[in-house]
Amino acid sequence: MEHIEEVGIHSSDYACSIATKIIPSTCLETIRLCTVHLAKQLYVDELMNCQYAITPSMDVFLLEANPRASCTVPVPFVSKVINHPLAKYVSLMMFGKTFYDLQFTKKVIPKYV
């Protein structure tokens, strides 16, 4: 999810886009690798919300990581974009199901919204 306007003081006060339009693929890959590594290190096996900042020189900084869904994780919207019921998956995972049990093991990168 990418900010498409530079306004707002709270993470829910802005407009975003899925898929990203401006972020270079090298930064996206860095973000993906860092997020997966962080989730593994924190033993997160459900939703995790990470917020990153990218400088004009394309340095990537982690601002925040929450091993839970928060108001900045638009689960219903993302579910529609990637065609997977994420809220259902997470609720099943709370009772012991895994990504493998749910057959949700492939990376999904949306091409458009």
PDB file of N, CA and C in Angstrom:
ATOM      1  N   MET A   1       0.854  -1.156   0.000  1.00  0.00           N
ATOM      2  CA  MET A   1       0.000   0.000   0.000  1.00  0.00           C
ATOM      3  C   MET A   1       0.904   1.223   0.000  1.00  0.00           C
ATOM      4  N   GLU A   2       0.632   2.170  -0.876  1.00  0.00           N
ATOM      5  CA  GLU A   2       1.478   3.349  -1.030  1.00  0.00           C
ATOM      6  C   GLU A   2       0.658   4.612  -0.800  1.00  0.00           C
ATOM      7  N   HIS A   3       1.215   5.555  -0.031  1.00  0.00           N
ATOM      8  CA  HIS A   3       0.567   6.859   0.123  1.00  0.00           C
ATOM      9  C   HIS A   3       0.523   7.518  -1.249  1.00  0.00           C
ATOM     10  N   ILE A   4      -0.587   8.129  -1.599  1.00  0.00           N
ATOM     11  CA  ILE A   4      -0.641   8.860  -2.865  1.00  0.00           C
ATOM     12  C   ILE A   4      -0.860  10.349  -2.639  1.00  0.00           C
ATOM     13  N   GLU A   5      -0.874  10.766  -1.392  1.00  0.00           N
ATOM     14  CA  GLU A   5      -0.943  12.184  -1.062  1.00  0.00           C
ATOM     15  C   GLU A   5      -0.161  12.408   0.225  1.00  0.00           C
ATOM     16  N   GLU A   6       0.431  13.576   0.340  1.00  0.00           N
ATOM     17  CA  GLU A   6       1.251  13.879   1.512  1.00  0.00           C
ATOM     18  C   GLU A   6       0.480  14.775   2.476  1.00  0.00           C
ATOM     19  N   VAL A   7      -0.616  14.280   2.996  1.00  0.00           N
ATOM     20  CA  VAL A   7      -1.411  15.036   3.958  1.00  0.00           C
ATOM     21  C   VAL A   7      -1.808  14.122   5.095  1.00  0.00           C
ATOM     22  N   GLY A   8      -2.356  14.719   6.129  1.00  0.00           N
ATOM     23  CA  GLY A   8      -2.828  13.922   7.258  1.00  0.00           C
ATOM     24  C   GLY A   8      -1.770  13.815   8.330  1.00  0.00           C
ATOM     25  N   ILE A   9      -2.230  13.716   9.556  1.00  0.00           N
ATOM     26  CA  ILE A   9      -1.293  13.587  10.668  1.00  0.00           C
ATOM     27  C   ILE A   9      -1.396  12.219  11.317  1.00  0.00           C
ATOM     28  N   HIS A  10      -2.391  11.463  10.948  1.00  0.00           N
ATOM     29  CA  HIS A  10      -2.576  10.122  11.484  1.00  0.00           C
ATOM     30  C   HIS A  10      -2.581   9.152  10.319  1.00  0.00           C
ATOM     31  N   SER A  11      -2.157   7.938  10.578  1.00  0.00           N
ATOM     32  CA  SER A  11      -2.018   6.964   9.496  1.00  0.00           C
ATOM     33  C   SER A  11      -3.334   6.612   8.818  1.00  0.00           C
ATOM     34  N   SER A  12      -4.461   7.003   9.392  1.00  0.00           N
ATOM     35  CA  SER A  12      -5.730   6.733   8.715  1.00  0.00           C
ATOM     36  C   SER A  12      -6.274   7.972   8.014  1.00  0.00           C
ATOM     37  N   ASP A  13      -5.488   9.053   7.965  1.00  0.00           N
ATOM     38  CA  ASP A  13      -5.934  10.316   7.367  1.00  0.00           C
ATOM     39  C   ASP A  13      -5.424  10.528   5.944  1.00  0.00           C
ATOM     40  N   TYR A  14      -5.054   9.502   5.249  1.00  0.00           N
ATOM     41  CA  TYR A  14      -4.472   9.693   3.928  1.00  0.00           C
ATOM     42  C   TYR A  14      -5.098   8.735   2.925  1.00  0.00           C
ATOM     43  N   ALA A  15      -4.853   9.029   1.668  1.00  0.00           N
ATOM     44  CA  ALA A  15      -5.303   8.132   0.603  1.00  0.00           C
ATOM     45  C   ALA A  15      -4.132   7.249   0.194  1.00  0.00           C
ATOM     46  N   CYS A  16      -4.432   6.003  -0.112  1.00  0.00           N
ATOM     47  CA  CYS A  16      -3.398   5.038  -0.486  1.00  0.00           C
ATOM     48  C   CYS A  16      -3.783   4.319  -1.767  1.00  0.00           C
ATOM     49  N   SER A  17      -2.812   3.635  -2.313  1.00  0.00           N
ATOM     50  CA  SER A  17      -3.013   2.883  -3.545  1.00  0.00           C
ATOM     51  C   SER A  17      -2.425   1.487  -3.400  1.00  0.00           C
ATOM     52  N   ILE A  18      -3.141   0.503  -3.913  1.00  0.00           N
ATOM     53  CA  ILE A  18      -2.638  -0.859  -4.074  1.00  0.00           C
ATOM     54  C   ILE A  18      -2.926  -1.221  -5.520  1.00  0.00           C
ATOM     55  N   ALA A  19      -2.043  -1.558  -6.330  1.00  0.00           N
ATOM     56  CA  ALA A  19      -0.616  -1.739  -6.158  1.00  0.00           C
ATOM     57  C   ALA A  19       0.097  -0.387  -6.174  1.00  0.00           C
ATOM     58  N   THR A  20       1.370  -0.407  -5.818  1.00  0.00           N
ATOM     59  CA  THR A  20       2.136   0.826  -5.763  1.00  0.00           C
ATOM     60  C   THR A  20       2.366   1.358  -7.172  1.00  0.00           C
ATOM     61  N   LYS A  21       2.520   2.668  -7.263  1.00  0.00           N
ATOM     62  CA  LYS A  21       2.716   3.311  -8.564  1.00  0.00           C
ATOM     63  C   LYS A  21       4.083   3.966  -8.693  1.00  0.00           C
ATOM     64  N   ILE A  22       4.639   4.433  -7.583  1.00  0.00           N
ATOM     65  CA  ILE A  22       5.864   5.228  -7.633  1.00  0.00           C
ATOM     66  C   ILE A  22       7.059   4.506  -7.024  1.00  0.00           C
ATOM     67  N   ILE A  23       6.840   3.671  -6.045  1.00  0.00           N
ATOM     68  CA  ILE A  23       7.946   3.025  -5.334  1.00  0.00           C
ATOM     69  C   ILE A  23       8.706   2.102  -6.286  1.00  0.00           C
ATOM     70  N   PRO A  24      10.027   2.284  -6.398  1.00  0.00           N
ATOM     71  CA  PRO A  24      10.825   1.430  -7.284  1.00  0.00           C
ATOM     72  C   PRO A  24      10.807  -0.034  -6.839  1.00  0.00           C
ATOM     73  N   SER A  25      10.946  -0.922  -7.787  1.00  0.00           N
ATOM     74  CA  SER A  25      10.894  -2.357  -7.491  1.00  0.00           C
ATOM     75  C   SER A  25      12.000  -2.779  -6.526  1.00  0.00           C
ATOM     76  N   THR A  26      13.149  -2.123  -6.574  1.00  0.00           N
ATOM     77  CA  THR A  26      14.226  -2.474  -5.639  1.00  0.00           C
ATOM     78  C   THR A  26      13.814  -2.170  -4.199  1.00  0.00           C
ATOM     79  N   CYS A  27      13.137  -1.048  -3.986  1.00  0.00           N
ATOM     80  CA  CYS A  27      12.652  -0.712  -2.636  1.00  0.00           C
ATOM     81  C   CYS A  27      11.556  -1.676  -2.206  1.00  0.00           C
ATOM     82  N   LEU A  28      10.667  -2.036  -3.126  1.00  0.00           N
ATOM     83  CA  LEU A  28       9.602  -2.983  -2.789  1.00  0.00           C
ATOM     84  C   LEU A  28      10.176  -4.330  -2.375  1.00  0.00           C
ATOM     85  N   GLU A  29      11.204  -4.776  -3.074  1.00  0.00           N
ATOM     86  CA  GLU A  29      11.817  -6.058  -2.722  1.00  0.00           C
ATOM     87  C   GLU A  29      12.499  -5.969  -1.355  1.00  0.00           C
ATOM     88  N   THR A  30      13.164  -4.854  -1.071  1.00  0.00           N
ATOM     89  CA  THR A  30      13.762  -4.646   0.251  1.00  0.00           C
ATOM     90  C   THR A  30      12.694  -4.692   1.333  1.00  0.00           C
ATOM     91  N   ILE A  31      11.566  -4.038   1.090  1.00  0.00           N
ATOM     92  CA  ILE A  31      10.463  -4.024   2.051  1.00  0.00           C
ATOM     93  C   ILE A  31       9.920  -5.431   2.258  1.00  0.00           C
ATOM     94  N   ARG A  32       9.730  -6.171   1.180  1.00  0.00           N
ATOM     95  CA  ARG A  32       9.221  -7.547   1.299  1.00  0.00           C
ATOM     96  C   ARG A  32      10.177  -8.420   2.114  1.00  0.00           C
ATOM     97  N   LEU A  33      11.460  -8.362   1.779  1.00  0.00           N
ATOM     98  CA  LEU A  33      12.446  -9.186   2.486  1.00  0.00           C
ATOM     99  C   LEU A  33      12.527  -8.809   3.966  1.00  0.00           C
ATOM    100  N   CYS A  34      12.550  -7.514   4.258  1.00  0.00           N
ATOM    101  CA  CYS A  34      12.623  -7.067   5.655  1.00  0.00           C
ATOM    102  C   CYS A  34      11.381  -7.480   6.432  1.00  0.00           C
ATOM    103  N   THR A  35      10.215  -7.375   5.806  1.00  0.00           N
ATOM    104  CA  THR A  35       8.969  -7.725   6.487  1.00  0.00           C
ATOM    105  C   THR A  35       8.919  -9.211   6.806  1.00  0.00           C
ATOM    106  N   VAL A  36       9.296 -10.043   5.849  1.00  0.00           N
ATOM    107  CA  VAL A  36       9.308 -11.492   6.084  1.00  0.00           C
ATOM    108  C   VAL A  36      10.312 -11.835   7.180  1.00  0.00           C
ATOM    109  N   HIS A  37      11.499 -11.253   7.114  1.00  0.00           N
ATOM    110  CA  HIS A  37      12.527 -11.515   8.127  1.00  0.00           C
ATOM    111  C   HIS A  37      12.041 -11.083   9.515  1.00  0.00           C
ATOM    112  N   LEU A  38      11.447  -9.901   9.593  1.00  0.00           N
ATOM    113  CA  LEU A  38      10.943  -9.401  10.869  1.00  0.00           C
ATOM    114  C   LEU A  38       9.844 -10.302  11.425  1.00  0.00           C
ATOM    115  N   ALA A  39       8.919 -10.721  10.575  1.00  0.00           N
ATOM    116  CA  ALA A  39       7.831 -11.606  11.023  1.00  0.00           C
ATOM    117  C   ALA A  39       8.388 -12.920  11.562  1.00  0.00           C
ATOM    118  N   LYS A  40       9.394 -13.458  10.895  1.00  0.00           N
ATOM    119  CA  LYS A  40      10.000 -14.710  11.369  1.00  0.00           C
ATOM    120  C   LYS A  40      10.705 -14.503  12.704  1.00  0.00           C
ATOM    121  N   GLN A  41      11.419 -13.395  12.844  1.00  0.00           N
ATOM    122  CA  GLN A  41      12.140 -13.124  14.087  1.00  0.00           C
ATOM    123  C   GLN A  41      11.186 -12.891  15.258  1.00  0.00           C
ATOM    124  N   LEU A  42      10.016 -12.332  14.973  1.00  0.00           N
ATOM    125  CA  LEU A  42       9.024 -12.063  16.025  1.00  0.00           C
ATOM    126  C   LEU A  42       8.030 -13.210  16.206  1.00  0.00           C
ATOM    127  N   TYR A  43       8.195 -14.265  15.422  1.00  0.00           N
ATOM    128  CA  TYR A  43       7.286 -15.422  15.453  1.00  0.00           C
ATOM    129  C   TYR A  43       5.834 -15.017  15.170  1.00  0.00           C
ATOM    130  N   VAL A  44       5.663 -14.107  14.231  1.00  0.00           N
ATOM    131  CA  VAL A  44       4.322 -13.675  13.827  1.00  0.00           C
ATOM    132  C   VAL A  44       3.833 -14.631  12.752  1.00  0.00           C
ATOM    133  N   ASP A  45       2.675 -15.241  12.982  1.00  0.00           N
ATOM    134  CA  ASP A  45       2.146 -16.158  11.973  1.00  0.00           C
ATOM    135  C   ASP A  45       0.741 -15.766  11.534  1.00  0.00           C
ATOM    136  N   GLU A  46       0.356 -14.533  11.819  1.00  0.00           N
ATOM    137  CA  GLU A  46      -0.931 -14.014  11.372  1.00  0.00           C
ATOM    138  C   GLU A  46      -0.663 -12.694  10.661  1.00  0.00           C
ATOM    139  N   LEU A  47      -1.564 -11.732  10.764  1.00  0.00           N
ATOM    140  CA  LEU A  47      -1.336 -10.435  10.133  1.00  0.00           C
ATOM    141  C   LEU A  47      -0.307  -9.626  10.902  1.00  0.00           C
ATOM    142  N   MET A  48       0.489  -8.865  10.166  1.00  0.00           N
ATOM    143  CA  MET A  48       1.426  -7.933  10.774  1.00  0.00           C
ATOM    144  C   MET A  48       1.388  -6.652   9.960  1.00  0.00           C
ATOM    145  N   ASN A  49       1.304  -5.535  10.638  1.00  0.00           N
ATOM    146  CA  ASN A  49       1.253  -4.234  10.001  1.00  0.00           C
ATOM    147  C   ASN A  49       2.621  -3.579  10.132  1.00  0.00           C
ATOM    148  N   CYS A  50       3.267  -3.297   9.008  1.00  0.00           N
ATOM    149  CA  CYS A  50       4.549  -2.591   9.010  1.00  0.00           C
ATOM    150  C   CYS A  50       4.396  -1.299   8.223  1.00  0.00           C
ATOM    151  N   GLN A  51       5.006  -0.247   8.741  1.00  0.00           N
ATOM    152  CA  GLN A  51       5.018   1.022   8.028  1.00  0.00           C
ATOM    153  C   GLN A  51       6.464   1.399   7.766  1.00  0.00           C
ATOM    154  N   TYR A  52       6.748   1.711   6.517  1.00  0.00           N
ATOM    155  CA  TYR A  52       8.096   2.059   6.093  1.00  0.00           C
ATOM    156  C   TYR A  52       8.118   3.473   5.537  1.00  0.00           C
ATOM    157  N   ALA A  53       9.288   4.090   5.590  1.00  0.00           N
ATOM    158  CA  ALA A  53       9.523   5.376   4.934  1.00  0.00           C
ATOM    159  C   ALA A  53      10.650   5.170   3.935  1.00  0.00           C
ATOM    160  N   ILE A  54      10.527   5.822   2.794  1.00  0.00           N
ATOM    161  CA  ILE A  54      11.557   5.755   1.762  1.00  0.00           C
ATOM    162  C   ILE A  54      12.047   7.175   1.518  1.00  0.00           C
ATOM    163  N   THR A  55      13.349   7.369   1.637  1.00  0.00           N
ATOM    164  CA  THR A  55      13.930   8.693   1.443  1.00  0.00           C
ATOM    165  C   THR A  55      14.062   8.986  -0.051  1.00  0.00           C
ATOM    166  N   PRO A  56      14.298  10.255  -0.401  1.00  0.00           N
ATOM    167  CA  PRO A  56      14.523  10.577  -1.819  1.00  0.00           C
ATOM    168  C   PRO A  56      15.704   9.815  -2.423  1.00  0.00           C
ATOM    169  N   SER A  57      16.672   9.417  -1.581  1.00  0.00           N
ATOM    170  CA  SER A  57      17.812   8.643  -2.091  1.00  0.00           C
ATOM    171  C   SER A  57      17.534   7.141  -2.080  1.00  0.00           C
ATOM    172  N   MET A  58      16.266   6.753  -1.831  1.00  0.00           N
ATOM    173  CA  MET A  58      15.781   5.372  -1.890  1.00  0.00           C
ATOM    174  C   MET A  58      16.262   4.500  -0.730  1.00  0.00           C
ATOM    175  N   ASP A  59      16.615   5.118   0.404  1.00  0.00           N
ATOM    176  CA  ASP A  59      16.881   4.346   1.612  1.00  0.00           C
ATOM    177  C   ASP A  59      15.538   3.978   2.232  1.00  0.00           C
ATOM    178  N   VAL A  60      15.428   2.752   2.742  1.00  0.00           N
ATOM    179  CA  VAL A  60      14.182   2.257   3.326  1.00  0.00           C
ATOM    180  C   VAL A  60      14.352   2.163   4.838  1.00  0.00           C
ATOM    181  N   PHE A  61      13.409   2.765   5.574  1.00  0.00           N
ATOM    182  CA  PHE A  61      13.432   2.738   7.032  1.00  0.00           C
ATOM    183  C   PHE A  61      12.126   2.166   7.555  1.00  0.00           C
ATOM    184  N   LEU A  62      12.233   1.271   8.523  1.00  0.00           N
ATOM    185  CA  LEU A  62      11.052   0.753   9.202  1.00  0.00           C
ATOM    186  C   LEU A  62      10.626   1.767  10.255  1.00  0.00           C
ATOM    187  N   LEU A  63       9.388   2.244  10.164  1.00  0.00           N
ATOM    188  CA  LEU A  63       8.864   3.195  11.142  1.00  0.00           C
ATOM    189  C   LEU A  63       8.161   2.500  12.287  1.00  0.00           C
ATOM    190  N   GLU A  64       7.426   1.435  11.948  1.00  0.00           N
ATOM    191  CA  GLU A  64       6.585   0.799  12.948  1.00  0.00           C
ATOM    192  C   GLU A  64       6.256  -0.614  12.488  1.00  0.00           C
ATOM    193  N   ALA A  65       6.186  -1.518  13.434  1.00  0.00           N
ATOM    194  CA  ALA A  65       5.747  -2.885  13.141  1.00  0.00           C
ATOM    195  C   ALA A  65       4.811  -3.327  14.254  1.00  0.00           C
ATOM    196  N   ASN A  66       3.621  -3.733  13.882  1.00  0.00           N
ATOM    197  CA  ASN A  66       2.627  -4.214  14.839  1.00  0.00           C
ATOM    198  C   ASN A  66       2.253  -5.641  14.477  1.00  0.00           C
ATOM    199  N   PRO A  67       2.532  -6.604  15.358  1.00  0.00           N
ATOM    200  CA  PRO A  67       2.157  -7.995  15.061  1.00  0.00           C
ATOM    201  C   PRO A  67       0.663  -8.221  15.303  1.00  0.00           C
ATOM    202  N   ARG A  68      -0.123  -7.409  14.633  1.00  0.00           N
ATOM    203  CA  ARG A  68      -1.585  -7.472  14.722  1.00  0.00           C
ATOM    204  C   ARG A  68      -2.128  -6.594  13.604  1.00  0.00           C
ATOM    205  N   ALA A  69      -3.381  -6.719  13.327  1.00  0.00           N
ATOM    206  CA  ALA A  69      -4.028  -5.807  12.393  1.00  0.00           C
ATOM    207  C   ALA A  69      -4.407  -4.550  13.162  1.00  0.00           C
ATOM    208  N   SER A  70      -4.263  -3.402  12.534  1.00  0.00           N
ATOM    209  CA  SER A  70      -4.656  -2.147  13.165  1.00  0.00           C
ATOM    210  C   SER A  70      -5.493  -1.355  12.173  1.00  0.00           C
ATOM    211  N   CYS A  71      -5.817  -0.120  12.532  1.00  0.00           N
ATOM    212  CA  CYS A  71      -6.664   0.685  11.651  1.00  0.00           C
ATOM    213  C   CYS A  71      -5.988   0.978  10.321  1.00  0.00           C
ATOM    214  N   THR A  72      -4.678   0.803  10.230  1.00  0.00           N
ATOM    215  CA  THR A  72      -3.984   1.051   8.968  1.00  0.00           C
ATOM    216  C   THR A  72      -3.902  -0.190   8.095  1.00  0.00           C
ATOM    217  N   VAL A  73      -4.511  -1.274   8.509  1.00  0.00           N
ATOM    218  CA  VAL A  73      -4.551  -2.487   7.691  1.00  0.00           C
ATOM    219  C   VAL A  73      -5.977  -2.640   7.169  1.00  0.00           C
ATOM    220  N   PRO A  74      -6.213  -2.205   5.938  1.00  0.00           N
ATOM    221  CA  PRO A  74      -7.571  -2.290   5.383  1.00  0.00           C
ATOM    222  C   PRO A  74      -7.877  -3.705   4.899  1.00  0.00           C
ATOM    223  N   VAL A  75      -8.094  -4.610   5.845  1.00  0.00           N
ATOM    224  CA  VAL A  75      -8.257  -6.032   5.526  1.00  0.00           C
ATOM    225  C   VAL A  75      -9.337  -6.286   4.475  1.00  0.00           C
ATOM    226  N   PRO A  76     -10.531  -5.706   4.592  1.00  0.00           N
ATOM    227  CA  PRO A  76     -11.544  -5.997   3.563  1.00  0.00           C
ATOM    228  C   PRO A  76     -11.119  -5.548   2.165  1.00  0.00           C
ATOM    229  N   PHE A  77     -10.491  -4.374   2.080  1.00  0.00           N
ATOM    230  CA  PHE A  77     -10.048  -3.863   0.786  1.00  0.00           C
ATOM    231  C   PHE A  77      -8.943  -4.735   0.199  1.00  0.00           C
ATOM    232  N   VAL A  78      -7.945  -5.047   1.008  1.00  0.00           N
ATOM    233  CA  VAL A  78      -6.845  -5.893   0.534  1.00  0.00           C
ATOM    234  C   VAL A  78      -7.369  -7.273   0.157  1.00  0.00           C
ATOM    235  N   SER A  79      -8.307  -7.803   0.919  1.00  0.00           N
ATOM    236  CA  SER A  79      -8.899  -9.110   0.598  1.00  0.00           C
ATOM    237  C   SER A  79      -9.513  -9.108  -0.793  1.00  0.00           C
ATOM    238  N   LYS A  80     -10.210  -8.030  -1.129  1.00  0.00           N
ATOM    239  CA  LYS A  80     -10.814  -7.939  -2.460  1.00  0.00           C
ATOM    240  C   LYS A  80      -9.754  -7.829  -3.545  1.00  0.00           C
ATOM    241  N   VAL A  81      -8.710  -7.052  -3.276  1.00  0.00           N
ATOM    242  CA  VAL A  81      -7.658  -6.854  -4.273  1.00  0.00           C
ATOM    243  C   VAL A  81      -6.924  -8.154  -4.576  1.00  0.00           C
ATOM    244  N   ILE A  82      -6.629  -8.951  -3.551  1.00  0.00           N
ATOM    245  CA  ILE A  82      -5.865 -10.186  -3.778  1.00  0.00           C
ATOM    246  C   ILE A  82      -6.748 -11.424  -3.879  1.00  0.00           C
ATOM    247  N   ASN A  83      -8.067 -11.233  -3.733  1.00  0.00           N
ATOM    248  CA  ASN A  83      -9.041 -12.318  -3.882  1.00  0.00           C
ATOM    249  C   ASN A  83      -8.839 -13.447  -2.862  1.00  0.00           C
ATOM    250  N   HIS A  84      -8.576 -13.055  -1.620  1.00  0.00           N
ATOM    251  CA  HIS A  84      -8.443 -14.004  -0.510  1.00  0.00           C
ATOM    252  C   HIS A  84      -9.122 -13.407   0.722  1.00  0.00           C
ATOM    253  N   PRO A  85      -9.929 -14.173   1.456  1.00  0.00           N
ATOM    254  CA  PRO A  85     -10.632 -13.664   2.639  1.00  0.00           C
ATOM    255  C   PRO A  85      -9.714 -13.607   3.865  1.00  0.00           C
ATOM    256  N   LEU A  86      -8.927 -12.551   3.970  1.00  0.00           N
ATOM    257  CA  LEU A  86      -7.914 -12.471   5.022  1.00  0.00           C
ATOM    258  C   LEU A  86      -8.498 -12.522   6.427  1.00  0.00           C
ATOM    259  N   ALA A  87      -9.605 -11.851   6.673  1.00  0.00           N
ATOM    260  CA  ALA A  87     -10.203 -11.880   8.016  1.00  0.00           C
ATOM    261  C   ALA A  87     -10.581 -13.308   8.396  1.00  0.00           C
ATOM    262  N   LYS A  88     -11.105 -14.051   7.450  1.00  0.00           N
ATOM    263  CA  LYS A  88     -11.454 -15.453   7.710  1.00  0.00           C
ATOM    264  C   LYS A  88     -10.195 -16.266   8.003  1.00  0.00           C
ATOM    265  N   TYR A  89      -9.161 -16.055   7.194  1.00  0.00           N
ATOM    266  CA  TYR A  89      -7.912 -16.785   7.402  1.00  0.00           C
ATOM    267  C   TYR A  89      -7.356 -16.518   8.799  1.00  0.00           C
ATOM    268  N   VAL A  90      -7.310 -15.248   9.187  1.00  0.00           N
ATOM    269  CA  VAL A  90      -6.737 -14.895  10.488  1.00  0.00           C
ATOM    270  C   VAL A  90      -7.555 -15.499  11.622  1.00  0.00           C
ATOM    271  N   SER A  91      -8.874 -15.466  11.493  1.00  0.00           N
ATOM    272  CA  SER A  91      -9.691 -16.055  12.559  1.00  0.00           C
ATOM    273  C   SER A  91      -9.464 -17.560  12.656  1.00  0.00           C
ATOM    274  N   LEU A  92      -9.270 -18.230  11.526  1.00  0.00           N
ATOM    275  CA  LEU A  92      -8.971 -19.668  11.558  1.00  0.00           C
ATOM    276  C   LEU A  92      -7.579 -19.932  12.134  1.00  0.00           C
ATOM    277  N   MET A  93      -6.638 -19.036  11.841  1.00  0.00           N
ATOM    278  CA  MET A  93      -5.281 -19.199  12.359  1.00  0.00           C
ATOM    279  C   MET A  93      -5.238 -19.015  13.875  1.00  0.00           C
ATOM    280  N   MET A  94      -6.144 -18.213  14.405  1.00  0.00           N
ATOM    281  CA  MET A  94      -6.211 -18.040  15.859  1.00  0.00           C
ATOM    282  C   MET A  94      -6.576 -19.348  16.554  1.00  0.00           C
ATOM    283  N   PHE A  95      -7.177 -20.267  15.803  1.00  0.00           N
ATOM    284  CA  PHE A  95      -7.549 -21.572  16.354  1.00  0.00           C
ATOM    285  C   PHE A  95      -6.624 -22.684  15.873  1.00  0.00           C
ATOM    286  N   GLY A  96      -5.441 -22.307  15.361  1.00  0.00           N
ATOM    287  CA  GLY A  96      -4.431 -23.298  15.069  1.00  0.00           C
ATOM    288  C   GLY A  96      -4.180 -23.631  13.615  1.00  0.00           C
ATOM    289  N   LYS A  97      -4.980 -23.118  12.695  1.00  0.00           N
ATOM    290  CA  LYS A  97      -4.727 -23.388  11.280  1.00  0.00           C
ATOM    291  C   LYS A  97      -3.463 -22.656  10.851  1.00  0.00           C
ATOM    292  N   THR A  98      -2.837 -23.144   9.791  1.00  0.00           N
ATOM    293  CA  THR A  98      -1.640 -22.513   9.254  1.00  0.00           C
ATOM    294  C   THR A  98      -1.919 -22.032   7.834  1.00  0.00           C
ATOM    295  N   PHE A  99      -0.982 -21.251   7.297  1.00  0.00           N
ATOM    296  CA  PHE A  99      -1.106 -20.837   5.899  1.00  0.00           C
ATOM    297  C   PHE A  99      -1.197 -22.054   4.989  1.00  0.00           C
ATOM    298  N   TYR A 100      -0.460 -23.095   5.321  1.00  0.00           N
ATOM    299  CA  TYR A 100      -0.492 -24.325   4.515  1.00  0.00           C
ATOM    300  C   TYR A 100      -1.859 -24.995   4.593  1.00  0.00           C
ATOM    301  N   ASP A 101      -2.448 -25.034   5.785  1.00  0.00           N
ATOM    302  CA  ASP A 101      -3.792 -25.602   5.931  1.00  0.00           C
ATOM    303  C   ASP A 101      -4.798 -24.858   5.063  1.00  0.00           C
ATOM    304  N   LEU A 102      -4.612 -23.545   4.950  1.00  0.00           N
ATOM    305  CA  LEU A 102      -5.542 -22.701   4.202  1.00  0.00           C
ATOM    306  C   LEU A 102      -5.176 -22.593   2.725  1.00  0.00           C
ATOM    307  N   GLN A 103      -4.105 -23.265   2.325  1.00  0.00           N
ATOM    308  CA  GLN A 103      -3.608 -23.238   0.946  1.00  0.00           C
ATOM    309  C   GLN A 103      -3.350 -21.801   0.476  1.00  0.00           C
ATOM    310  N   PHE A 104      -2.754 -21.020   1.357  1.00  0.00           N
ATOM    311  CA  PHE A 104      -2.420 -19.627   1.066  1.00  0.00           C
ATOM    312  C   PHE A 104      -0.924 -19.458   1.298  1.00  0.00           C
ATOM    313  N   THR A 105      -0.143 -19.978   0.356  1.00  0.00           N
ATOM    314  CA  THR A 105       1.307 -20.006   0.534  1.00  0.00           C
ATOM    315  C   THR A 105       2.063 -19.273  -0.565  1.00  0.00           C
ATOM    316  N   LYS A 106       1.374 -18.788  -1.575  1.00  0.00           N
ATOM    317  CA  LYS A 106       2.059 -18.092  -2.667  1.00  0.00           C
ATOM    318  C   LYS A 106       1.953 -16.585  -2.479  1.00  0.00           C
ATOM    319  N   LYS A 107       3.031 -15.907  -2.854  1.00  0.00           N
ATOM    320  CA  LYS A 107       3.055 -14.452  -2.775  1.00  0.00           C
ATOM    321  C   LYS A 107       2.053 -13.892  -3.780  1.00  0.00           C
ATOM    322  N   VAL A 108       1.208 -12.979  -3.333  1.00  0.00           N
ATOM    323  CA  VAL A 108       0.211 -12.354  -4.200  1.00  0.00           C
ATOM    324  C   VAL A 108       0.590 -10.890  -4.365  1.00  0.00           C
ATOM    325  N   ILE A 109       0.918 -10.498  -5.582  1.00  0.00           N
ATOM    326  CA  ILE A 109       1.252  -9.108  -5.869  1.00  0.00           C
ATOM    327  C   ILE A 109       0.223  -8.583  -6.859  1.00  0.00           C
ATOM    328  N   PRO A 110      -0.653  -7.691  -6.408  1.00  0.00           N
ATOM    329  CA  PRO A 110      -1.694  -7.181  -7.306  1.00  0.00           C
ATOM    330  C   PRO A 110      -1.096  -6.313  -8.405  1.00  0.00           C
ATOM    331  N   LYS A 111      -1.670  -6.405  -9.575  1.00  0.00           N
ATOM    332  CA  LYS A 111      -1.204  -5.618 -10.716  1.00  0.00           C
ATOM    333  C   LYS A 111      -1.941  -4.290 -10.820  1.00  0.00           C
ATOM    334  N   TYR A 112      -3.139  -4.234 -10.277  1.00  0.00           N
ATOM    335  CA  TYR A 112      -3.959  -3.032 -10.368  1.00  0.00           C
ATOM    336  C   TYR A 112      -5.001  -3.054  -9.269  1.00  0.00           C
ATOM    337  N   VAL A 113      -5.662  -1.922  -9.127  1.00  0.00           N
ATOM    338  CA  VAL A 113      -6.769  -1.824  -8.174  1.00  0.00           C
ATOM    339  C   VAL A 113      -8.000  -1.411  -8.941  1.00  0.00           C
TER     340      VAL A 113
END
